[in-house]
Amino acid sequence: MALNDPILTISIAGKLLGLHPRTIMLYERVGLLKPHRTTTQRRMFSITDLDDLQFIKYLTQKKGINLMGVKHLLEAIQMAEKGGIELRKHLFPEFKTNQLV
């Protein structure tokens, strides 16, 4: 099983993360993540998605960053990583991803 394989429904992902499924849907609507979809349009989440959701939860709940700020920050981190810079580790060295599954 690869880290990007969609294996969890939104309700299970929410329980593992301590997030309400509607909160996860809001994150999707704002553009913070794009879960996999089944042929019947059910949201499915991978281990990588769970890691991303943990970081989003950390930024919003621990650092107090609003959703648009998180979106811009994630975009900047992604661009930096393409250039070989580990910006996330430099900006948030205290953040550690928990293995949930």
PDB file of N, CA and C in Angstrom:
ATOM      1  N   MET A   1       0.845  -1.175   0.000  1.00  0.00           N
ATOM      2  CA  MET A   1       0.000   0.000   0.000  1.00  0.00           C
ATOM      3  C   MET A   1       0.895   1.245   0.000  1.00  0.00           C
ATOM      4  N   ALA A   2       0.626   2.136  -0.929  1.00  0.00           N
ATOM      5  CA  ALA A   2       1.384   3.380  -1.041  1.00  0.00           C
ATOM      6  C   ALA A   2       0.770   4.452  -0.145  1.00  0.00           C
ATOM      7  N   LEU A   3       1.565   5.437   0.207  1.00  0.00           N
ATOM      8  CA  LEU A   3       1.088   6.519   1.068  1.00  0.00           C
ATOM      9  C   LEU A   3      -0.006   7.356   0.418  1.00  0.00           C
ATOM     10  N   ASN A   4      -0.085   7.330  -0.913  1.00  0.00           N
ATOM     11  CA  ASN A   4      -1.094   8.117  -1.616  1.00  0.00           C
ATOM     12  C   ASN A   4      -2.342   7.319  -1.973  1.00  0.00           C
ATOM     13  N   ASP A   5      -2.414   6.059  -1.562  1.00  0.00           N
ATOM     14  CA  ASP A   5      -3.596   5.243  -1.842  1.00  0.00           C
ATOM     15  C   ASP A   5      -4.767   5.712  -0.976  1.00  0.00           C
ATOM     16  N   PRO A   6      -5.913   6.019  -1.585  1.00  0.00           N
ATOM     17  CA  PRO A   6      -7.076   6.452  -0.800  1.00  0.00           C
ATOM     18  C   PRO A   6      -7.685   5.269  -0.057  1.00  0.00           C
ATOM     19  N   ILE A   7      -7.669   5.331   1.280  1.00  0.00           N
ATOM     20  CA  ILE A   7      -8.116   4.178   2.064  1.00  0.00           C
ATOM     21  C   ILE A   7      -9.135   4.525   3.146  1.00  0.00           C
ATOM     22  N   LEU A   8      -9.319   5.808   3.451  1.00  0.00           N
ATOM     23  CA  LEU A   8     -10.183   6.187   4.570  1.00  0.00           C
ATOM     24  C   LEU A   8     -11.303   7.118   4.132  1.00  0.00           C
ATOM     25  N   THR A   9     -12.484   6.910   4.684  1.00  0.00           N
ATOM     26  CA  THR A   9     -13.605   7.816   4.432  1.00  0.00           C
ATOM     27  C   THR A   9     -13.418   9.077   5.265  1.00  0.00           C
ATOM     28  N   ILE A  10     -14.213  10.086   4.966  1.00  0.00           N
ATOM     29  CA  ILE A  10     -14.111  11.356   5.684  1.00  0.00           C
ATOM     30  C   ILE A  10     -14.447  11.191   7.162  1.00  0.00           C
ATOM     31  N   SER A  11     -15.393  10.325   7.489  1.00  0.00           N
ATOM     32  CA  SER A  11     -15.755  10.146   8.905  1.00  0.00           C
ATOM     33  C   SER A  11     -14.622   9.497   9.687  1.00  0.00           C
ATOM     34  N   ILE A  12     -13.951   8.530   9.097  1.00  0.00           N
ATOM     35  CA  ILE A  12     -12.818   7.876   9.774  1.00  0.00           C
ATOM     36  C   ILE A  12     -11.651   8.847   9.882  1.00  0.00           C
ATOM     37  N   ALA A  13     -11.373   9.578   8.817  1.00  0.00           N
ATOM     38  CA  ALA A  13     -10.291  10.570   8.852  1.00  0.00           C
ATOM     39  C   ALA A  13     -10.567  11.598   9.946  1.00  0.00           C
ATOM     40  N   GLY A  14     -11.813  12.055  10.026  1.00  0.00           N
ATOM     41  CA  GLY A  14     -12.185  13.030  11.051  1.00  0.00           C
ATOM     42  C   GLY A  14     -11.985  12.495  12.455  1.00  0.00           C
ATOM     43  N   LYS A  15     -12.376  11.245  12.685  1.00  0.00           N
ATOM     44  CA  LYS A  15     -12.200  10.643  14.018  1.00  0.00           C
ATOM     45  C   LYS A  15     -10.730  10.522  14.379  1.00  0.00           C
ATOM     46  N   LEU A  16      -9.910  10.092  13.426  1.00  0.00           N
ATOM     47  CA  LEU A  16      -8.477   9.952  13.689  1.00  0.00           C
ATOM     48  C   LEU A  16      -7.819  11.288  14.008  1.00  0.00           C
ATOM     49  N   LEU A  17      -8.294  12.343  13.355  1.00  0.00           N
ATOM     50  CA  LEU A  17      -7.688  13.669  13.504  1.00  0.00           C
ATOM     51  C   LEU A  17      -8.336  14.527  14.582  1.00  0.00           C
ATOM     52  N   GLY A  18      -9.504  14.103  15.071  1.00  0.00           N
ATOM     53  CA  GLY A  18     -10.227  14.938  16.025  1.00  0.00           C
ATOM     54  C   GLY A  18     -10.843  16.149  15.347  1.00  0.00           C
ATOM     55  N   LEU A  19     -11.248  15.982  14.093  1.00  0.00           N
ATOM     56  CA  LEU A  19     -11.879  17.051  13.320  1.00  0.00           C
ATOM     57  C   LEU A  19     -13.267  16.598  12.882  1.00  0.00           C
ATOM     58  N   HIS A  20     -14.201  17.510  12.865  1.00  0.00           N
ATOM     59  CA  HIS A  20     -15.534  17.201  12.364  1.00  0.00           C
ATOM     60  C   HIS A  20     -15.455  17.065  10.840  1.00  0.00           C
ATOM     61  N   PRO A  21     -16.182  16.123  10.255  1.00  0.00           N
ATOM     62  CA  PRO A  21     -16.159  15.995   8.793  1.00  0.00           C
ATOM     63  C   PRO A  21     -16.503  17.293   8.060  1.00  0.00           C
ATOM     64  N   ARG A  22     -17.377  18.112   8.628  1.00  0.00           N
ATOM     65  CA  ARG A  22     -17.713  19.395   7.995  1.00  0.00           C
ATOM     66  C   ARG A  22     -16.494  20.334   7.966  1.00  0.00           C
ATOM     67  N   THR A  23     -15.652  20.239   8.968  1.00  0.00           N
ATOM     68  CA  THR A  23     -14.423  21.041   8.982  1.00  0.00           C
ATOM     69  C   THR A  23     -13.518  20.613   7.839  1.00  0.00           C
ATOM     70  N   ILE A  24     -13.409  19.314   7.625  1.00  0.00           N
ATOM     71  CA  ILE A  24     -12.589  18.798   6.525  1.00  0.00           C
ATOM     72  C   ILE A  24     -13.181  19.244   5.192  1.00  0.00           C
ATOM     73  N   MET A  25     -14.508  19.233   5.081  1.00  0.00           N
ATOM     74  CA  MET A  25     -15.164  19.705   3.856  1.00  0.00           C
ATOM     75  C   MET A  25     -14.876  21.186   3.615  1.00  0.00           C
ATOM     76  N   LEU A  26     -14.844  21.970   4.692  1.00  0.00           N
ATOM     77  CA  LEU A  26     -14.518  23.388   4.579  1.00  0.00           C
ATOM     78  C   LEU A  26     -13.087  23.562   4.069  1.00  0.00           C
ATOM     79  N   TYR A  27     -12.172  22.778   4.613  1.00  0.00           N
ATOM     80  CA  TYR A  27     -10.781  22.837   4.139  1.00  0.00           C
ATOM     81  C   TYR A  27     -10.714  22.543   2.641  1.00  0.00           C
ATOM     82  N   GLU A  28     -11.505  21.568   2.203  1.00  0.00           N
ATOM     83  CA  GLU A  28     -11.531  21.237   0.780  1.00  0.00           C
ATOM     84  C   GLU A  28     -12.107  22.399  -0.035  1.00  0.00           C
ATOM     85  N   ARG A  29     -13.210  22.980   0.430  1.00  0.00           N
ATOM     86  CA  ARG A  29     -13.874  24.070  -0.292  1.00  0.00           C
ATOM     87  C   ARG A  29     -12.944  25.272  -0.453  1.00  0.00           C
ATOM     88  N   VAL A  30     -12.145  25.567   0.574  1.00  0.00           N
ATOM     89  CA  VAL A  30     -11.210  26.693   0.524  1.00  0.00           C
ATOM     90  C   VAL A  30     -10.025  26.386  -0.391  1.00  0.00           C
ATOM     91  N   GLY A  31      -9.774  25.100  -0.647  1.00  0.00           N
ATOM     92  CA  GLY A  31      -8.682  24.709  -1.529  1.00  0.00           C
ATOM     93  C   GLY A  31      -7.430  24.258  -0.813  1.00  0.00           C
ATOM     94  N   LEU A  32      -7.559  23.883   0.455  1.00  0.00           N
ATOM     95  CA  LEU A  32      -6.393  23.445   1.226  1.00  0.00           C
ATOM     96  C   LEU A  32      -6.005  22.005   0.912  1.00  0.00           C
ATOM     97  N   LEU A  33      -6.945  21.212   0.430  1.00  0.00           N
ATOM     98  CA  LEU A  33      -6.652  19.844   0.054  1.00  0.00           C
ATOM     99  C   LEU A  33      -7.664  19.399  -0.988  1.00  0.00           C
ATOM    100  N   LYS A  34      -7.313  18.326  -1.667  1.00  0.00           N
ATOM    101  CA  LYS A  34      -8.200  17.765  -2.683  1.00  0.00           C
ATOM    102  C   LYS A  34      -8.217  16.253  -2.480  1.00  0.00           C
ATOM    103  N   PRO A  35      -9.225  15.766  -1.744  1.00  0.00           N
ATOM    104  CA  PRO A  35      -9.281  14.324  -1.503  1.00  0.00           C
ATOM    105  C   PRO A  35      -9.617  13.556  -2.778  1.00  0.00           C
ATOM    106  N   HIS A  36      -9.295  12.298  -2.748  1.00  0.00           N
ATOM    107  CA  HIS A  36      -9.642  11.417  -3.856  1.00  0.00           C
ATOM    108  C   HIS A  36     -11.159  11.235  -3.836  1.00  0.00           C
ATOM    109  N   ARG A  37     -11.738  10.946  -4.985  1.00  0.00           N
ATOM    110  CA  ARG A  37     -13.180  10.716  -5.086  1.00  0.00           C
ATOM    111  C   ARG A  37     -13.426   9.358  -5.721  1.00  0.00           C
ATOM    112  N   THR A  38     -14.424   8.647  -5.183  1.00  0.00           N
ATOM    113  CA  THR A  38     -14.834   7.383  -5.787  1.00  0.00           C
ATOM    114  C   THR A  38     -15.726   7.694  -6.984  1.00  0.00           C
ATOM    115  N   THR A  39     -16.141   6.672  -7.690  1.00  0.00           N
ATOM    116  CA  THR A  39     -17.036   6.877  -8.827  1.00  0.00           C
ATOM    117  C   THR A  39     -18.379   7.430  -8.378  1.00  0.00           C
ATOM    118  N   THR A  40     -18.730   7.222  -7.112  1.00  0.00           N
ATOM    119  CA  THR A  40     -19.977   7.780  -6.564  1.00  0.00           C
ATOM    120  C   THR A  40     -19.732   9.088  -5.818  1.00  0.00           C
ATOM    121  N   GLN A  41     -18.540   9.673  -6.004  1.00  0.00           N
ATOM    122  CA  GLN A  41     -18.159  10.975  -5.455  1.00  0.00           C
ATOM    123  C   GLN A  41     -17.930  10.994  -3.942  1.00  0.00           C
ATOM    124  N   ARG A  42     -17.735   9.832  -3.322  1.00  0.00           N
ATOM    125  CA  ARG A  42     -17.380   9.811  -1.893  1.00  0.00           C
ATOM    126  C   ARG A  42     -15.937  10.251  -1.740  1.00  0.00           C
ATOM    127  N   ARG A  43     -15.676  11.045  -0.723  1.00  0.00           N
ATOM    128  CA  ARG A  43     -14.313  11.486  -0.433  1.00  0.00           C
ATOM    129  C   ARG A  43     -13.548  10.342   0.225  1.00  0.00           C
ATOM    130  N   MET A  44     -12.332  10.129  -0.258  1.00  0.00           N
ATOM    131  CA  MET A  44     -11.457   9.122   0.325  1.00  0.00           C
ATOM    132  C   MET A  44     -10.097   9.773   0.577  1.00  0.00           C
ATOM    133  N   PHE A  45      -9.491   9.417   1.705  1.00  0.00           N
ATOM    134  CA  PHE A  45      -8.254  10.057   2.131  1.00  0.00           C
ATOM    135  C   PHE A  45      -7.123   9.045   2.250  1.00  0.00           C
ATOM    136  N   SER A  46      -5.941   9.485   1.873  1.00  0.00           N
ATOM    137  CA  SER A  46      -4.733   8.674   1.967  1.00  0.00           C
ATOM    138  C   SER A  46      -3.961   9.045   3.231  1.00  0.00           C
ATOM    139  N   ILE A  47      -2.907   8.320   3.497  1.00  0.00           N
ATOM    140  CA  ILE A  47      -2.026   8.631   4.620  1.00  0.00           C
ATOM    141  C   ILE A  47      -1.410  10.023   4.415  1.00  0.00           C
ATOM    142  N   THR A  48      -1.036  10.331   3.179  1.00  0.00           N
ATOM    143  CA  THR A  48      -0.492  11.655   2.864  1.00  0.00           C
ATOM    144  C   THR A  48      -1.514  12.747   3.159  1.00  0.00           C
ATOM    145  N   ASP A  49      -2.782  12.491   2.809  1.00  0.00           N
ATOM    146  CA  ASP A  49      -3.845  13.457   3.112  1.00  0.00           C
ATOM    147  C   ASP A  49      -3.967  13.670   4.619  1.00  0.00           C
ATOM    148  N   LEU A  50      -3.874  12.589   5.398  1.00  0.00           N
ATOM    149  CA  LEU A  50      -3.954  12.713   6.859  1.00  0.00           C
ATOM    150  C   LEU A  50      -2.807  13.562   7.395  1.00  0.00           C
ATOM    151  N   ASP A  51      -1.616  13.365   6.839  1.00  0.00           N
ATOM    152  CA  ASP A  51      -0.467  14.176   7.259  1.00  0.00           C
ATOM    153  C   ASP A  51      -0.706  15.653   6.938  1.00  0.00           C
ATOM    154  N   ASP A  52      -1.245  15.917   5.745  1.00  0.00           N
ATOM    155  CA  ASP A  52      -1.543  17.299   5.358  1.00  0.00           C
ATOM    156  C   ASP A  52      -2.597  17.899   6.283  1.00  0.00           C
ATOM    157  N   LEU A  53      -3.623  17.123   6.610  1.00  0.00           N
ATOM    158  CA  LEU A  53      -4.674  17.602   7.513  1.00  0.00           C
ATOM    159  C   LEU A  53      -4.128  17.878   8.915  1.00  0.00           C
ATOM    160  N   GLN A  54      -3.189  17.059   9.376  1.00  0.00           N
ATOM    161  CA  GLN A  54      -2.572  17.316  10.684  1.00  0.00           C
ATOM    162  C   GLN A  54      -1.853  18.656  10.672  1.00  0.00           C
ATOM    163  N   PHE A  55      -1.159  18.955   9.580  1.00  0.00           N
ATOM    164  CA  PHE A  55      -0.434  20.216   9.491  1.00  0.00           C
ATOM    165  C   PHE A  55      -1.403  21.395   9.414  1.00  0.00           C
ATOM    166  N   ILE A  56      -2.479  21.250   8.660  1.00  0.00           N
ATOM    167  CA  ILE A  56      -3.498  22.299   8.574  1.00  0.00           C
ATOM    168  C   ILE A  56      -4.117  22.537   9.951  1.00  0.00           C
ATOM    169  N   LYS A  57      -4.426  21.471  10.659  1.00  0.00           N
ATOM    170  CA  LYS A  57      -5.000  21.588  12.007  1.00  0.00           C
ATOM    171  C   LYS A  57      -4.016  22.304  12.935  1.00  0.00           C
ATOM    172  N   TYR A  58      -2.752  21.963  12.841  1.00  0.00           N
ATOM    173  CA  TYR A  58      -1.710  22.613  13.643  1.00  0.00           C
ATOM    174  C   TYR A  58      -1.659  24.115  13.358  1.00  0.00           C
ATOM    175  N   LEU A  59      -1.663  24.464  12.068  1.00  0.00           N
ATOM    176  CA  LEU A  59      -1.579  25.881  11.697  1.00  0.00           C
ATOM    177  C   LEU A  59      -2.790  26.671  12.175  1.00  0.00           C
ATOM    178  N   THR A  60      -3.979  26.079  12.069  1.00  0.00           N
ATOM    179  CA  THR A  60      -5.185  26.808  12.454  1.00  0.00           C
ATOM    180  C   THR A  60      -5.389  26.832  13.962  1.00  0.00           C
ATOM    181  N   GLN A  61      -5.180  25.696  14.619  1.00  0.00           N
ATOM    182  CA  GLN A  61      -5.507  25.607  16.040  1.00  0.00           C
ATOM    183  C   GLN A  61      -4.357  25.980  16.967  1.00  0.00           C
ATOM    184  N   LYS A  62      -3.141  25.662  16.594  1.00  0.00           N
ATOM    185  CA  LYS A  62      -1.998  25.977  17.467  1.00  0.00           C
ATOM    186  C   LYS A  62      -1.365  27.326  17.145  1.00  0.00           C
ATOM    187  N   LYS A  63      -1.344  27.669  15.864  1.00  0.00           N
ATOM    188  CA  LYS A  63      -0.696  28.919  15.448  1.00  0.00           C
ATOM    189  C   LYS A  63      -1.693  30.045  15.193  1.00  0.00           C
ATOM    190  N   GLY A  64      -2.985  29.733  15.156  1.00  0.00           N
ATOM    191  CA  GLY A  64      -4.004  30.758  15.001  1.00  0.00           C
ATOM    192  C   GLY A  64      -4.063  31.400  13.627  1.00  0.00           C
ATOM    193  N   ILE A  65      -3.631  30.686  12.606  1.00  0.00           N
ATOM    194  CA  ILE A  65      -3.630  31.220  11.247  1.00  0.00           C
ATOM    195  C   ILE A  65      -4.991  30.939  10.606  1.00  0.00           C
ATOM    196  N   ASN A  66      -5.577  31.961   9.968  1.00  0.00           N
ATOM    197  CA  ASN A  66      -6.875  31.746   9.322  1.00  0.00           C
ATOM    198  C   ASN A  66      -6.698  30.924   8.042  1.00  0.00           C
ATOM    199  N   LEU A  67      -7.819  30.473   7.479  1.00  0.00           N
ATOM    200  CA  LEU A  67      -7.763  29.537   6.357  1.00  0.00           C
ATOM    201  C   LEU A  67      -7.097  30.124   5.117  1.00  0.00           C
ATOM    202  N   MET A  68      -7.332  31.389   4.819  1.00  0.00           N
ATOM    203  CA  MET A  68      -6.673  31.989   3.649  1.00  0.00           C
ATOM    204  C   MET A  68      -5.172  32.118   3.893  1.00  0.00           C
ATOM    205  N   GLY A  69      -4.788  32.419   5.130  1.00  0.00           N
ATOM    206  CA  GLY A  69      -3.370  32.462   5.472  1.00  0.00           C
ATOM    207  C   GLY A  69      -2.727  31.097   5.326  1.00  0.00           C
ATOM    208  N   VAL A  70      -3.442  30.060   5.766  1.00  0.00           N
ATOM    209  CA  VAL A  70      -2.937  28.689   5.618  1.00  0.00           C
ATOM    210  C   VAL A  70      -2.773  28.354   4.143  1.00  0.00           C
ATOM    211  N   LYS A  71      -3.751  28.734   3.331  1.00  0.00           N
ATOM    212  CA  LYS A  71      -3.678  28.441   1.894  1.00  0.00           C
ATOM    213  C   LYS A  71      -2.433  29.079   1.273  1.00  0.00           C
ATOM    214  N   HIS A  72      -2.186  30.345   1.565  1.00  0.00           N
ATOM    215  CA  HIS A  72      -1.015  31.026   1.016  1.00  0.00           C
ATOM    216  C   HIS A  72       0.284  30.420   1.550  1.00  0.00           C
ATOM    217  N   LEU A  73       0.284  30.075   2.810  1.00  0.00           N
ATOM    218  CA  LEU A  73       1.462  29.460   3.407  1.00  0.00           C
ATOM    219  C   LEU A  73       1.764  28.105   2.771  1.00  0.00           C
ATOM    220  N   LEU A  74       0.737  27.292   2.565  1.00  0.00           N
ATOM    221  CA  LEU A  74       0.930  25.981   1.928  1.00  0.00           C
ATOM    222  C   LEU A  74       1.447  26.133   0.500  1.00  0.00           C
ATOM    223  N   GLU A  75       0.940  27.125  -0.214  1.00  0.00           N
ATOM    224  CA  GLU A  75       1.425  27.386  -1.574  1.00  0.00           C
ATOM    225  C   GLU A  75       2.900  27.787  -1.563  1.00  0.00           C
ATOM    226  N   ALA A  76       3.281  28.633  -0.616  1.00  0.00           N
ATOM    227  CA  ALA A  76       4.684  29.062  -0.514  1.00  0.00           C
ATOM    228  C   ALA A  76       5.588  27.888  -0.151  1.00  0.00           C
ATOM    229  N   ILE A  77       5.130  27.049   0.764  1.00  0.00           N
ATOM    230  CA  ILE A  77       5.908  25.879   1.164  1.00  0.00           C
ATOM    231  C   ILE A  77       6.085  24.944  -0.022  1.00  0.00           C
ATOM    232  N   GLN A  78       5.015  24.739  -0.795  1.00  0.00           N
ATOM    233  CA  GLN A  78       5.089  23.860  -1.959  1.00  0.00           C
ATOM    234  C   GLN A  78       6.069  24.401  -3.009  1.00  0.00           C
ATOM    235  N   MET A  79       6.046  25.703  -3.250  1.00  0.00           N
ATOM    236  CA  MET A  79       6.975  26.298  -4.209  1.00  0.00           C
ATOM    237  C   MET A  79       8.412  26.179  -3.717  1.00  0.00           C
ATOM    238  N   ALA A  80       8.620  26.394  -2.429  1.00  0.00           N
ATOM    239  CA  ALA A  80       9.973  26.288  -1.870  1.00  0.00           C
ATOM    240  C   ALA A  80      10.499  24.859  -1.987  1.00  0.00           C
ATOM    241  N   GLU A  81       9.621  23.877  -1.739  1.00  0.00           N
ATOM    242  CA  GLU A  81      10.038  22.474  -1.831  1.00  0.00           C
ATOM    243  C   GLU A  81      10.443  22.107  -3.253  1.00  0.00           C
ATOM    244  N   LYS A  82       9.778  22.688  -4.245  1.00  0.00           N
ATOM    245  CA  LYS A  82      10.161  22.438  -5.638  1.00  0.00           C
ATOM    246  C   LYS A  82      11.565  22.954  -5.906  1.00  0.00           C
ATOM    247  N   GLY A  83      11.966  23.989  -5.182  1.00  0.00           N
ATOM    248  CA  GLY A  83      13.307  24.542  -5.310  1.00  0.00           C
ATOM    249  C   GLY A  83      14.318  23.904  -4.373  1.00  0.00           C
ATOM    250  N   GLY A  84      13.898  22.869  -3.652  1.00  0.00           N
ATOM    251  CA  GLY A  84      14.810  22.149  -2.771  1.00  0.00           C
ATOM    252  C   GLY A  84      14.950  22.743  -1.381  1.00  0.00           C
ATOM    253  N   ILE A  85      14.078  23.655  -1.021  1.00  0.00           N
ATOM    254  CA  ILE A  85      14.137  24.284   0.296  1.00  0.00           C
ATOM    255  C   ILE A  85      13.053  23.677   1.192  1.00  0.00           C
ATOM    256  N   GLU A  86      13.447  23.192   2.343  1.00  0.00           N
ATOM    257  CA  GLU A  86      12.494  22.596   3.282  1.00  0.00           C
ATOM    258  C   GLU A  86      11.931  23.687   4.196  1.00  0.00           C
ATOM    259  N   LEU A  87      11.116  24.543   3.621  1.00  0.00           N
ATOM    260  CA  LEU A  87      10.582  25.707   4.324  1.00  0.00           C
ATOM    261  C   LEU A  87       9.731  25.319   5.523  1.00  0.00           C
ATOM    262  N   ARG A  88       8.947  24.272   5.380  1.00  0.00           N
ATOM    263  CA  ARG A  88       8.072  23.834   6.479  1.00  0.00           C
ATOM    264  C   ARG A  88       8.886  23.484   7.725  1.00  0.00           C
ATOM    265  N   LYS A  89       9.986  22.783   7.533  1.00  0.00           N
ATOM    266  CA  LYS A  89      10.840  22.415   8.676  1.00  0.00           C
ATOM    267  C   LYS A  89      11.515  23.634   9.289  1.00  0.00           C
ATOM    268  N   HIS A  90      11.856  24.603   8.463  1.00  0.00           N
ATOM    269  CA  HIS A  90      12.508  25.805   8.970  1.00  0.00           C
ATOM    270  C   HIS A  90      11.540  26.709   9.735  1.00  0.00           C
ATOM    271  N   LEU A  91      10.314  26.842   9.216  1.00  0.00           N
ATOM    272  CA  LEU A  91       9.342  27.722   9.848  1.00  0.00           C
ATOM    273  C   LEU A  91       8.674  27.103  11.074  1.00  0.00           C
ATOM    274  N   PHE A  92       8.473  25.789  11.029  1.00  0.00           N
ATOM    275  CA  PHE A  92       7.728  25.106  12.101  1.00  0.00           C
ATOM    276  C   PHE A  92       8.490  23.860  12.573  1.00  0.00           C
ATOM    277  N   PRO A  93       9.689  24.042  13.132  1.00  0.00           N
ATOM    278  CA  PRO A  93      10.477  22.874  13.546  1.00  0.00           C
ATOM    279  C   PRO A  93       9.811  22.059  14.654  1.00  0.00           C
ATOM    280  N   GLU A  94       8.899  22.674  15.412  1.00  0.00           N
ATOM    281  CA  GLU A  94       8.261  21.956  16.504  1.00  0.00           C
ATOM    282  C   GLU A  94       7.120  21.038  16.041  1.00  0.00           C
ATOM    283  N   PHE A  95       6.670  21.186  14.770  1.00  0.00           N
ATOM    284  CA  PHE A  95       5.573  20.361  14.278  1.00  0.00           C
ATOM    285  C   PHE A  95       6.084  18.962  13.948  1.00  0.00           C
ATOM    286  N   LYS A  96       5.403  17.979  14.487  1.00  0.00           N
ATOM    287  CA  LYS A  96       5.711  16.578  14.200  1.00  0.00           C
ATOM    288  C   LYS A  96       4.425  15.884  13.777  1.00  0.00           C
ATOM    289  N   THR A  97       4.481  15.155  12.679  1.00  0.00           N
ATOM    290  CA  THR A  97       3.332  14.399  12.202  1.00  0.00           C
ATOM    291  C   THR A  97       3.203  13.135  13.033  1.00  0.00           C
ATOM    292  N   ASN A  98       2.016  12.869  13.517  1.00  0.00           N
ATOM    293  CA  ASN A  98       1.735  11.640  14.256  1.00  0.00           C
ATOM    294  C   ASN A  98       1.303  10.549  13.294  1.00  0.00           C
ATOM    295  N   GLN A  99       1.764   9.335  13.525  1.00  0.00           N
ATOM    296  CA  GLN A  99       1.335   8.207  12.695  1.00  0.00           C
ATOM    297  C   GLN A  99      -0.038   7.778  13.218  1.00  0.00           C
ATOM    298  N   LEU A 100      -1.077   7.984  12.409  1.00  0.00           N
ATOM    299  CA  LEU A 100      -2.445   7.721  12.839  1.00  0.00           C
ATOM    300  C   LEU A 100      -2.940   6.346  12.409  1.00  0.00           C
ATOM    301  N   VAL A 101      -2.346   5.801  11.362  1.00  0.00           N
ATOM    302  CA  VAL A 101      -2.798   4.498  10.862  1.00  0.00           C
ATOM    303  C   VAL A 101      -1.637   3.539  10.839  1.00  0.00           C
TER     304      VAL A 101
END
